[in-house]
Amino acid sequence: MTIEPPVRIENRTQLIYLLSQAAELEHGISCCYLFAGFSMKQGANEGVTEGQLATIQRWKATVMQVAVQEMLHLALVNNMLTAIGGSPHIRRPNLPTSPSMYPASFELDLRPFSQQTLANFIFLERPEGSNAQPGRSSGASGARPPVLRARDIFFDQPEYETVGHLYRGIEDGFRYLAEKLGEARLFVASAESQLAEYSRLPGLIAVTSVATAVEAIERIVEQGEGARGENPEGHYARFVAIDREYADVRRREPAFEPGRPVVTNPYTHVPADLHNPAKLSIVDDR
């Protein structure tokens, strides 16, 4: 297992930038999970048996619960942003994301639930240093055009391979800047200005110090990759468990299809910056 060197953060602007990218990723990943969850069959009249339907409903409950936890992660990231003087970041790029939007490991698109989609989710949630491979053959592990968005903020382009890798860099940034500036100068917003005061999302906390920032980051990473895959309730482990059960069912019942024949990446207009328009399903909205 190889652990990549952390993303280096040296000032407040860089930390705000990477937290904004984390917010976009949490938002986009949640949308991917919701799309897959809503694509799953809901009745025995859709070509599945009652037993198969029960399995589908159990898997869907897991996918939707994970999507809600990604919303929690988005809220925690925005509390971290607010804490250091940034603004809540709830914008995200359209899906599928442009190849130049994020590092090569993060290719987000909207797909109906299937074995391939599940493999993509496992790859997104994989622990840092994992040998997991992308479920698609669209180039997620290959070369991509350089990302230019951060060239005026970082001396070197920040690269991260996994969600855990990104948050490890963010945690190091919090620790370094607190030592450099002092906590009182780094954490400039009160708890009352953060979402924790107005939301009932379980696990949502206000960020007012290095300790609470690290607690928020640990909560995100633990729920996602599950502390390098060791937590059976982490997203990575839960998706791996579904994948194994899915493979077992397909061996016994090869015709089993839990997802509806939903279009992939429905779009009314082809994005100009997408390098592979063939990936889109164009929908006539007239």
C-alpha atoms as a PDB file:
ATOM      1  CA  MET A   1       0.000   0.000   0.000  1.00  0.00           C
ATOM      2  CA  THR A   2       1.419   3.377  -1.058  1.00  0.00           C
ATOM      3  CA  ILE A   3       0.374   6.552   0.763  1.00  0.00           C
ATOM      4  CA  GLU A   4       0.854   9.622  -1.404  1.00  0.00           C
ATOM      5  CA  PRO A   5       2.506  12.751   0.020  1.00  0.00           C
ATOM      6  CA  PRO A   6      -0.081  15.222   1.337  1.00  0.00           C
ATOM      7  CA  VAL A   7      -1.305  18.176  -0.640  1.00  0.00           C
ATOM      8  CA  ARG A   8       0.735  21.110   0.666  1.00  0.00           C
ATOM      9  CA  ILE A   9      -1.259  24.099   1.960  1.00  0.00           C
ATOM     10  CA  GLU A  10       0.640  27.239   2.930  1.00  0.00           C
ATOM     11  CA  ASN A  11      -1.969  29.986   3.277  1.00  0.00           C
ATOM     12  CA  ARG A  12      -5.659  30.649   3.936  1.00  0.00           C
ATOM     13  CA  THR A  13      -6.518  31.111   0.252  1.00  0.00           C
ATOM     14  CA  GLN A  14      -5.174  27.664  -0.620  1.00  0.00           C
ATOM     15  CA  LEU A  15      -7.134  26.077   2.227  1.00  0.00           C
ATOM     16  CA  ILE A  16     -10.339  27.821   1.123  1.00  0.00           C
ATOM     17  CA  TYR A  17      -9.732  26.658  -2.452  1.00  0.00           C
ATOM     18  CA  LEU A  18      -9.299  22.999  -1.507  1.00  0.00           C
ATOM     19  CA  LEU A  19     -12.268  23.085   0.873  1.00  0.00           C
ATOM     20  CA  SER A  20     -14.334  24.488  -2.008  1.00  0.00           C
ATOM     21  CA  GLN A  21     -13.194  21.594  -4.210  1.00  0.00           C
ATOM     22  CA  ALA A  22     -14.099  19.166  -1.413  1.00  0.00           C
ATOM     23  CA  ALA A  23     -17.572  20.732  -1.220  1.00  0.00           C
ATOM     24  CA  GLU A  24     -18.051  20.339  -4.985  1.00  0.00           C
ATOM     25  CA  LEU A  25     -16.954  16.699  -4.837  1.00  0.00           C
ATOM     26  CA  GLU A  26     -19.237  15.842  -1.899  1.00  0.00           C
ATOM     27  CA  HIS A  27     -22.136  17.539  -3.702  1.00  0.00           C
ATOM     28  CA  GLY A  28     -21.444  15.817  -7.016  1.00  0.00           C
ATOM     29  CA  ILE A  29     -20.890  12.380  -5.475  1.00  0.00           C
ATOM     30  CA  SER A  30     -24.192  12.680  -3.600  1.00  0.00           C
ATOM     31  CA  CYS A  31     -25.960  13.442  -6.904  1.00  0.00           C
ATOM     32  CA  CYS A  32     -24.401  10.331  -8.480  1.00  0.00           C
ATOM     33  CA  TYR A  33     -25.682   8.162  -5.643  1.00  0.00           C
ATOM     34  CA  LEU A  34     -29.158   9.704  -5.740  1.00  0.00           C
ATOM     35  CA  PHE A  35     -29.421   9.166  -9.510  1.00  0.00           C
ATOM     36  CA  ALA A  36     -28.444   5.503  -9.154  1.00  0.00           C
ATOM     37  CA  GLY A  37     -30.779   5.004  -6.205  1.00  0.00           C
ATOM     38  CA  PHE A  38     -33.789   6.504  -7.963  1.00  0.00           C
ATOM     39  CA  SER A  39     -33.083   4.317 -11.021  1.00  0.00           C
ATOM     40  CA  MET A  40     -33.623   1.079  -9.063  1.00  0.00           C
ATOM     41  CA  LYS A  41     -36.769  -0.974  -9.655  1.00  0.00           C
ATOM     42  CA  GLN A  42     -39.612  -0.559  -7.182  1.00  0.00           C
ATOM     43  CA  GLY A  43     -42.148  -3.251  -8.052  1.00  0.00           C
ATOM     44  CA  ALA A  44     -42.437  -6.919  -9.015  1.00  0.00           C
ATOM     45  CA  ASN A  45     -44.143  -5.758 -12.220  1.00  0.00           C
ATOM     46  CA  GLU A  46     -40.731  -4.543 -13.434  1.00  0.00           C
ATOM     47  CA  GLY A  47     -39.421  -8.011 -14.241  1.00  0.00           C
ATOM     48  CA  VAL A  48     -38.157  -9.107 -10.817  1.00  0.00           C
ATOM     49  CA  THR A  49     -39.410 -11.641  -8.300  1.00  0.00           C
ATOM     50  CA  GLU A  50     -40.592 -10.728  -4.801  1.00  0.00           C
ATOM     51  CA  GLY A  51     -37.326 -12.095  -3.393  1.00  0.00           C
ATOM     52  CA  GLN A  52     -35.268 -10.061  -5.844  1.00  0.00           C
ATOM     53  CA  LEU A  53     -37.334  -6.981  -5.042  1.00  0.00           C
ATOM     54  CA  ALA A  54     -36.555  -7.346  -1.343  1.00  0.00           C
ATOM     55  CA  THR A  55     -32.848  -7.449  -2.184  1.00  0.00           C
ATOM     56  CA  ILE A  56     -33.170  -4.373  -4.418  1.00  0.00           C
ATOM     57  CA  GLN A  57     -35.011  -2.448  -1.708  1.00  0.00           C
ATOM     58  CA  ARG A  58     -32.280  -3.272   0.816  1.00  0.00           C
ATOM     59  CA  TRP A  59     -29.553  -2.129  -1.583  1.00  0.00           C
ATOM     60  CA  LYS A  60     -31.482   1.039  -2.406  1.00  0.00           C
ATOM     61  CA  ALA A  61     -31.817   1.873   1.288  1.00  0.00           C
ATOM     62  CA  THR A  62     -28.029   1.626   1.601  1.00  0.00           C
ATOM     63  CA  VAL A  63     -27.361   3.786  -1.470  1.00  0.00           C
ATOM     64  CA  MET A  64     -29.794   6.476  -0.306  1.00  0.00           C
ATOM     65  CA  GLN A  65     -28.400   6.461   3.239  1.00  0.00           C
ATOM     66  CA  VAL A  66     -24.903   6.930   1.814  1.00  0.00           C
ATOM     67  CA  ALA A  67     -26.197   9.834  -0.319  1.00  0.00           C
ATOM     68  CA  VAL A  68     -27.587  11.527   2.805  1.00  0.00           C
ATOM     69  CA  GLN A  69     -24.250  11.068   4.568  1.00  0.00           C
ATOM     70  CA  GLU A  70     -22.570  12.776   1.614  1.00  0.00           C
ATOM     71  CA  MET A  71     -24.917  15.697   2.297  1.00  0.00           C
ATOM     72  CA  LEU A  72     -23.633  15.693   5.884  1.00  0.00           C
ATOM     73  CA  HIS A  73     -20.080  15.811   4.530  1.00  0.00           C
ATOM     74  CA  LEU A  74     -21.029  18.785   2.339  1.00  0.00           C
ATOM     75  CA  ALA A  75     -22.413  20.567   5.407  1.00  0.00           C
ATOM     76  CA  LEU A  76     -19.291  19.805   7.467  1.00  0.00           C
ATOM     77  CA  VAL A  77     -17.035  21.129   4.703  1.00  0.00           C
ATOM     78  CA  ASN A  78     -19.087  24.330   4.529  1.00  0.00           C
ATOM     79  CA  ASN A  79     -18.767  24.750   8.285  1.00  0.00           C
ATOM     80  CA  MET A  80     -14.987  24.459   7.871  1.00  0.00           C
ATOM     81  CA  LEU A  81     -15.119  27.057   5.096  1.00  0.00           C
ATOM     82  CA  THR A  82     -17.196  29.462   7.162  1.00  0.00           C
ATOM     83  CA  ALA A  83     -14.948  28.961  10.190  1.00  0.00           C
ATOM     84  CA  ILE A  84     -11.878  30.354   8.407  1.00  0.00           C
ATOM     85  CA  GLY A  85     -13.585  33.259   6.670  1.00  0.00           C
ATOM     86  CA  GLY A  86     -14.766  31.593   3.464  1.00  0.00           C
ATOM     87  CA  SER A  87     -18.303  31.505   2.106  1.00  0.00           C
ATOM     88  CA  PRO A  88     -20.455  28.366   1.996  1.00  0.00           C
ATOM     89  CA  HIS A  89     -19.852  26.667  -1.352  1.00  0.00           C
ATOM     90  CA  ILE A  90     -22.929  24.919  -2.731  1.00  0.00           C
ATOM     91  CA  ARG A  91     -22.172  25.315  -6.432  1.00  0.00           C
ATOM     92  CA  ARG A  92     -20.944  22.352  -8.441  1.00  0.00           C
ATOM     93  CA  PRO A  93     -20.090  21.684 -12.091  1.00  0.00           C
ATOM     94  CA  ASN A  94     -22.642  19.969 -14.290  1.00  0.00           C
ATOM     95  CA  LEU A  95     -22.525  16.187 -14.473  1.00  0.00           C
ATOM     96  CA  PRO A  96     -20.732  14.519 -16.110  1.00  0.00           C
ATOM     97  CA  THR A  97     -17.808  16.621 -14.965  1.00  0.00           C
ATOM     98  CA  SER A  98     -15.330  17.966 -17.476  1.00  0.00           C
ATOM     99  CA  PRO A  99     -12.071  15.968 -17.733  1.00  0.00           C
ATOM    100  CA  SER A 100     -10.174  19.114 -16.694  1.00  0.00           C
ATOM    101  CA  MET A 101     -12.249  19.781 -13.593  1.00  0.00           C
ATOM    102  CA  TYR A 102     -10.586  17.522 -11.021  1.00  0.00           C
ATOM    103  CA  PRO A 103      -7.655  15.104 -10.797  1.00  0.00           C
ATOM    104  CA  ALA A 104      -8.004  12.011 -12.979  1.00  0.00           C
ATOM    105  CA  SER A 105      -9.403   9.791 -10.209  1.00  0.00           C
ATOM    106  CA  PHE A 106     -12.581  11.876  -9.955  1.00  0.00           C
ATOM    107  CA  GLU A 107     -14.777  11.387 -13.002  1.00  0.00           C
ATOM    108  CA  LEU A 108     -18.345  11.981 -11.884  1.00  0.00           C
ATOM    109  CA  ASP A 109     -21.305  11.083 -14.040  1.00  0.00           C
ATOM    110  CA  LEU A 110     -24.931   9.996 -13.765  1.00  0.00           C
ATOM    111  CA  ARG A 111     -25.502   6.290 -14.345  1.00  0.00           C
ATOM    112  CA  PRO A 112     -28.341   3.886 -13.539  1.00  0.00           C
ATOM    113  CA  PHE A 113     -27.605   1.280 -10.893  1.00  0.00           C
ATOM    114  CA  SER A 114     -25.597  -1.636 -12.296  1.00  0.00           C
ATOM    115  CA  GLN A 115     -22.490  -3.654 -11.528  1.00  0.00           C
ATOM    116  CA  GLN A 116     -20.387  -1.143 -13.453  1.00  0.00           C
ATOM    117  CA  THR A 117     -21.932   1.784 -11.559  1.00  0.00           C
ATOM    118  CA  LEU A 118     -21.285   0.011  -8.261  1.00  0.00           C
ATOM    119  CA  ALA A 119     -17.656  -0.568  -9.259  1.00  0.00           C
ATOM    120  CA  ASN A 120     -17.380   3.165  -9.965  1.00  0.00           C
ATOM    121  CA  PHE A 121     -18.731   3.949  -6.481  1.00  0.00           C
ATOM    122  CA  ILE A 122     -16.237   1.567  -4.891  1.00  0.00           C
ATOM    123  CA  PHE A 123     -13.443   3.297  -6.785  1.00  0.00           C
ATOM    124  CA  LEU A 124     -14.610   6.746  -5.627  1.00  0.00           C
ATOM    125  CA  GLU A 125     -14.768   5.642  -1.976  1.00  0.00           C
ATOM    126  CA  ARG A 126     -11.616   3.527  -2.016  1.00  0.00           C
ATOM    127  CA  PRO A 127      -9.195   3.942   0.907  1.00  0.00           C
ATOM    128  CA  GLU A 128      -5.975   5.812   0.354  1.00  0.00           C
ATOM    129  CA  GLY A 129      -3.343   3.434  -1.011  1.00  0.00           C
ATOM    130  CA  SER A 130      -5.956   0.972  -2.284  1.00  0.00           C
ATOM    131  CA  ASN A 131      -5.370  -1.078  -5.434  1.00  0.00           C
ATOM    132  CA  ALA A 132      -8.997  -0.706  -6.544  1.00  0.00           C
ATOM    133  CA  GLN A 133      -9.413  -0.020 -10.256  1.00  0.00           C
ATOM    134  CA  PRO A 134     -11.996   2.248 -11.914  1.00  0.00           C
ATOM    135  CA  GLY A 135     -15.154   0.450 -12.941  1.00  0.00           C
ATOM    136  CA  ARG A 136     -15.315   2.205 -16.309  1.00  0.00           C
ATOM    137  CA  SER A 137     -12.931   2.203 -19.221  1.00  0.00           C
ATOM    138  CA  SER A 138     -13.311   5.893 -19.974  1.00  0.00           C
ATOM    139  CA  GLY A 139      -9.848   6.972 -18.955  1.00  0.00           C
ATOM    140  CA  ALA A 140     -10.181   7.602 -15.212  1.00  0.00           C
ATOM    141  CA  SER A 141      -6.798   6.020 -14.631  1.00  0.00           C
ATOM    142  CA  GLY A 142      -5.099   7.537 -17.676  1.00  0.00           C
ATOM    143  CA  ALA A 143      -3.619  10.881 -18.655  1.00  0.00           C
ATOM    144  CA  ARG A 144      -5.811  13.938 -18.748  1.00  0.00           C
ATOM    145  CA  PRO A 145      -5.513  17.540 -19.810  1.00  0.00           C
ATOM    146  CA  PRO A 146      -3.845  19.636 -17.083  1.00  0.00           C
ATOM    147  CA  VAL A 147      -6.076  21.357 -14.533  1.00  0.00           C
ATOM    148  CA  LEU A 148      -5.400  25.089 -14.707  1.00  0.00           C
ATOM    149  CA  ARG A 149      -7.892  26.467 -12.183  1.00  0.00           C
ATOM    150  CA  ALA A 150      -5.382  26.636  -9.298  1.00  0.00           C
ATOM    151  CA  ARG A 151      -2.326  28.003 -11.076  1.00  0.00           C
ATOM    152  CA  ASP A 152      -2.654  31.442  -9.456  1.00  0.00           C
ATOM    153  CA  ILE A 153      -3.196  29.967  -5.984  1.00  0.00           C
ATOM    154  CA  PHE A 154      -0.638  27.145  -5.730  1.00  0.00           C
ATOM    155  CA  PHE A 155       3.005  27.076  -6.814  1.00  0.00           C
ATOM    156  CA  ASP A 156       2.505  23.454  -7.862  1.00  0.00           C
ATOM    157  CA  GLN A 157      -0.773  22.025  -9.081  1.00  0.00           C
ATOM    158  CA  PRO A 158      -2.427  20.215  -6.128  1.00  0.00           C
ATOM    159  CA  GLU A 159      -3.005  16.563  -6.966  1.00  0.00           C
ATOM    160  CA  TYR A 160      -4.846  14.036  -4.837  1.00  0.00           C
ATOM    161  CA  GLU A 161      -5.731  10.453  -5.682  1.00  0.00           C
ATOM    162  CA  THR A 162      -8.575   9.753  -3.249  1.00  0.00           C
ATOM    163  CA  VAL A 163     -11.056  11.552  -1.012  1.00  0.00           C
ATOM    164  CA  GLY A 164      -8.941  10.543   1.982  1.00  0.00           C
ATOM    165  CA  HIS A 165      -5.827  11.975   0.311  1.00  0.00           C
ATOM    166  CA  LEU A 166      -7.584  15.321  -0.217  1.00  0.00           C
ATOM    167  CA  TYR A 167      -8.776  15.510   3.393  1.00  0.00           C
ATOM    168  CA  ARG A 168      -5.370  14.550   4.742  1.00  0.00           C
ATOM    169  CA  GLY A 169      -3.976  17.596   2.939  1.00  0.00           C
ATOM    170  CA  ILE A 170      -6.793  19.764   4.323  1.00  0.00           C
ATOM    171  CA  GLU A 171      -6.100  18.511   7.861  1.00  0.00           C
ATOM    172  CA  ASP A 172      -2.396  19.257   7.487  1.00  0.00           C
ATOM    173  CA  GLY A 173      -3.348  22.724   6.250  1.00  0.00           C
ATOM    174  CA  PHE A 174      -5.463  23.416   9.320  1.00  0.00           C
ATOM    175  CA  ARG A 175      -2.673  22.288  11.633  1.00  0.00           C
ATOM    176  CA  TYR A 176       0.017  24.272   9.808  1.00  0.00           C
ATOM    177  CA  LEU A 177      -1.991  27.509   9.590  1.00  0.00           C
ATOM    178  CA  ALA A 178      -3.100  27.300  13.222  1.00  0.00           C
ATOM    179  CA  GLU A 179       0.531  27.048  14.225  1.00  0.00           C
ATOM    180  CA  LYS A 180       1.571  29.809  11.834  1.00  0.00           C
ATOM    181  CA  LEU A 181      -1.243  32.281  12.545  1.00  0.00           C
ATOM    182  CA  GLY A 182      -2.651  31.116  15.862  1.00  0.00           C
ATOM    183  CA  GLU A 183      -6.091  29.565  16.227  1.00  0.00           C
ATOM    184  CA  ALA A 184      -7.743  32.884  17.079  1.00  0.00           C
ATOM    185  CA  ARG A 185      -6.610  34.391  13.761  1.00  0.00           C
ATOM    186  CA  LEU A 186      -7.384  31.286  11.697  1.00  0.00           C
ATOM    187  CA  PHE A 187     -10.869  30.565  13.050  1.00  0.00           C
ATOM    188  CA  VAL A 188     -12.631  33.888  12.593  1.00  0.00           C
ATOM    189  CA  ALA A 189     -16.311  32.842  12.533  1.00  0.00           C
ATOM    190  CA  SER A 190     -18.447  31.885  15.506  1.00  0.00           C
ATOM    191  CA  ALA A 191     -20.394  28.647  15.875  1.00  0.00           C
ATOM    192  CA  GLU A 192     -23.626  30.647  15.540  1.00  0.00           C
ATOM    193  CA  SER A 193     -22.740  31.497  11.925  1.00  0.00           C
ATOM    194  CA  GLN A 194     -22.504  27.835  10.915  1.00  0.00           C
ATOM    195  CA  LEU A 195     -25.055  25.318   9.730  1.00  0.00           C
ATOM    196  CA  ALA A 196     -24.757  23.228  12.906  1.00  0.00           C
ATOM    197  CA  GLU A 197     -26.979  25.756  14.648  1.00  0.00           C
ATOM    198  CA  TYR A 198     -29.842  25.268  12.188  1.00  0.00           C
ATOM    199  CA  SER A 199     -29.754  21.648  11.031  1.00  0.00           C
ATOM    200  CA  ARG A 200     -30.612  18.319  12.599  1.00  0.00           C
ATOM    201  CA  LEU A 201     -28.297  16.232  10.420  1.00  0.00           C
ATOM    202  CA  PRO A 202     -26.816  13.607  12.765  1.00  0.00           C
ATOM    203  CA  GLY A 203     -23.083  14.181  13.163  1.00  0.00           C
ATOM    204  CA  LEU A 204     -23.076  17.834  12.087  1.00  0.00           C
ATOM    205  CA  ILE A 205     -20.830  19.913  14.344  1.00  0.00           C
ATOM    206  CA  ALA A 206     -19.624  23.516  14.410  1.00  0.00           C
ATOM    207  CA  VAL A 207     -15.959  24.107  13.614  1.00  0.00           C
ATOM    208  CA  THR A 208     -14.201  26.597  15.883  1.00  0.00           C
ATOM    209  CA  SER A 209     -10.734  25.104  16.428  1.00  0.00           C
ATOM    210  CA  VAL A 210      -8.174  22.663  15.070  1.00  0.00           C
ATOM    211  CA  ALA A 211      -9.680  19.960  17.285  1.00  0.00           C
ATOM    212  CA  THR A 212     -13.194  20.396  15.861  1.00  0.00           C
ATOM    213  CA  ALA A 213     -11.858  20.712  12.291  1.00  0.00           C
ATOM    214  CA  VAL A 214     -10.000  17.404  12.722  1.00  0.00           C
ATOM    215  CA  GLU A 215     -13.126  15.855  14.254  1.00  0.00           C
ATOM    216  CA  ALA A 216     -15.166  16.922  11.204  1.00  0.00           C
ATOM    217  CA  ILE A 217     -12.539  15.548   8.807  1.00  0.00           C
ATOM    218  CA  GLU A 218     -12.302  12.252  10.674  1.00  0.00           C
ATOM    219  CA  ARG A 219     -16.073  11.912  10.551  1.00  0.00           C
ATOM    220  CA  ILE A 220     -16.072  12.425   6.767  1.00  0.00           C
ATOM    221  CA  VAL A 221     -13.215   9.988   6.122  1.00  0.00           C
ATOM    222  CA  GLU A 222     -14.523   7.383   8.577  1.00  0.00           C
ATOM    223  CA  GLN A 223     -17.981   7.366   6.991  1.00  0.00           C
ATOM    224  CA  GLY A 224     -16.532   7.297   3.482  1.00  0.00           C
ATOM    225  CA  GLU A 225     -13.480   5.113   3.097  1.00  0.00           C
ATOM    226  CA  GLY A 226     -13.954   3.813   6.646  1.00  0.00           C
ATOM    227  CA  ALA A 227     -10.469   4.425   8.092  1.00  0.00           C
ATOM    228  CA  ARG A 228      -8.714   2.679   5.201  1.00  0.00           C
ATOM    229  CA  GLY A 229     -11.582   0.230   4.734  1.00  0.00           C
ATOM    230  CA  GLU A 230     -11.626  -1.161   8.271  1.00  0.00           C
ATOM    231  CA  ASN A 231     -15.076   0.182   9.222  1.00  0.00           C
ATOM    232  CA  PRO A 232     -17.860  -2.154   8.010  1.00  0.00           C
ATOM    233  CA  GLU A 233     -20.281   0.796   8.134  1.00  0.00           C
ATOM    234  CA  GLY A 234     -18.108   2.954   5.873  1.00  0.00           C
ATOM    235  CA  HIS A 235     -19.300   3.670   2.347  1.00  0.00           C
ATOM    236  CA  TYR A 236     -16.458   1.696   0.792  1.00  0.00           C
ATOM    237  CA  ALA A 237     -17.181  -1.469   2.815  1.00  0.00           C
ATOM    238  CA  ARG A 238     -20.940  -1.191   2.274  1.00  0.00           C
ATOM    239  CA  PHE A 239     -20.578  -0.885  -1.481  1.00  0.00           C
ATOM    240  CA  VAL A 240     -18.104  -3.791  -1.554  1.00  0.00           C
ATOM    241  CA  ALA A 241     -20.642  -5.918   0.359  1.00  0.00           C
ATOM    242  CA  ILE A 242     -23.390  -5.064  -2.160  1.00  0.00           C
ATOM    243  CA  ASP A 243     -21.027  -5.833  -5.035  1.00  0.00           C
ATOM    244  CA  ARG A 244     -20.265  -9.294  -3.651  1.00  0.00           C
ATOM    245  CA  GLU A 245     -23.950 -10.057  -3.091  1.00  0.00           C
ATOM    246  CA  TYR A 246     -24.764  -8.713  -6.560  1.00  0.00           C
ATOM    247  CA  ALA A 247     -22.216 -11.084  -8.115  1.00  0.00           C
ATOM    248  CA  ASP A 248     -23.649 -14.028  -6.150  1.00  0.00           C
ATOM    249  CA  VAL A 249     -27.206 -13.265  -7.286  1.00  0.00           C
ATOM    250  CA  ARG A 250     -26.114 -12.897 -10.917  1.00  0.00           C
ATOM    251  CA  ARG A 251     -24.357 -16.287 -10.788  1.00  0.00           C
ATOM    252  CA  ARG A 252     -27.592 -17.919  -9.650  1.00  0.00           C
ATOM    253  CA  GLU A 253     -29.936 -15.745 -11.705  1.00  0.00           C
ATOM    254  CA  PRO A 254     -28.091 -14.370 -14.765  1.00  0.00           C
ATOM    255  CA  ALA A 255     -31.115 -12.374 -15.976  1.00  0.00           C
ATOM    256  CA  PHE A 256     -31.350 -10.364 -12.742  1.00  0.00           C
ATOM    257  CA  GLU A 257     -31.328  -6.597 -13.415  1.00  0.00           C
ATOM    258  CA  PRO A 258     -32.002  -4.373 -10.381  1.00  0.00           C
ATOM    259  CA  GLY A 259     -31.803  -1.112 -12.329  1.00  0.00           C
ATOM    260  CA  ARG A 260     -34.249   0.336 -14.791  1.00  0.00           C
ATOM    261  CA  PRO A 261     -33.054   1.028 -18.373  1.00  0.00           C
ATOM    262  CA  VAL A 262     -32.440   4.680 -17.547  1.00  0.00           C
ATOM    263  CA  VAL A 263     -30.340   6.862 -19.856  1.00  0.00           C
ATOM    264  CA  THR A 264     -26.793   7.671 -18.773  1.00  0.00           C
ATOM    265  CA  ASN A 265     -25.888  11.339 -18.323  1.00  0.00           C
ATOM    266  CA  PRO A 266     -29.134  12.804 -19.710  1.00  0.00           C
ATOM    267  CA  TYR A 267     -28.465  16.178 -21.320  1.00  0.00           C
ATOM    268  CA  THR A 268     -30.467  18.574 -23.454  1.00  0.00           C
ATOM    269  CA  HIS A 269     -27.279  20.277 -24.712  1.00  0.00           C
ATOM    270  CA  VAL A 270     -23.808  18.787 -25.135  1.00  0.00           C
ATOM    271  CA  PRO A 271     -21.284  20.553 -22.848  1.00  0.00           C
ATOM    272  CA  ALA A 272     -18.565  22.198 -24.914  1.00  0.00           C
ATOM    273  CA  ASP A 273     -15.767  21.087 -22.556  1.00  0.00           C
ATOM    274  CA  LEU A 274     -16.658  17.375 -22.490  1.00  0.00           C
ATOM    275  CA  HIS A 275     -14.051  15.433 -24.447  1.00  0.00           C
ATOM    276  CA  ASN A 276     -16.266  12.429 -25.095  1.00  0.00           C
ATOM    277  CA  PRO A 277     -19.799  13.510 -26.126  1.00  0.00           C
ATOM    278  CA  ALA A 278     -20.638   9.872 -26.897  1.00  0.00           C
ATOM    279  CA  LYS A 279     -20.959   9.351 -23.131  1.00  0.00           C
ATOM    280  CA  LEU A 280     -24.093  11.508 -23.073  1.00  0.00           C
ATOM    281  CA  SER A 281     -27.708  10.601 -23.663  1.00  0.00           C
ATOM    282  CA  ILE A 282     -29.232  13.601 -25.410  1.00  0.00           C
ATOM    283  CA  VAL A 283     -32.837  14.205 -24.395  1.00  0.00           C
ATOM    284  CA  ASP A 284     -35.147  16.143 -26.698  1.00  0.00           C
ATOM    285  CA  ASP A 285     -36.906  18.600 -24.377  1.00  0.00           C
ATOM    286  CA  ARG A 286     -39.178  20.134 -26.984  1.00  0.00           C
END
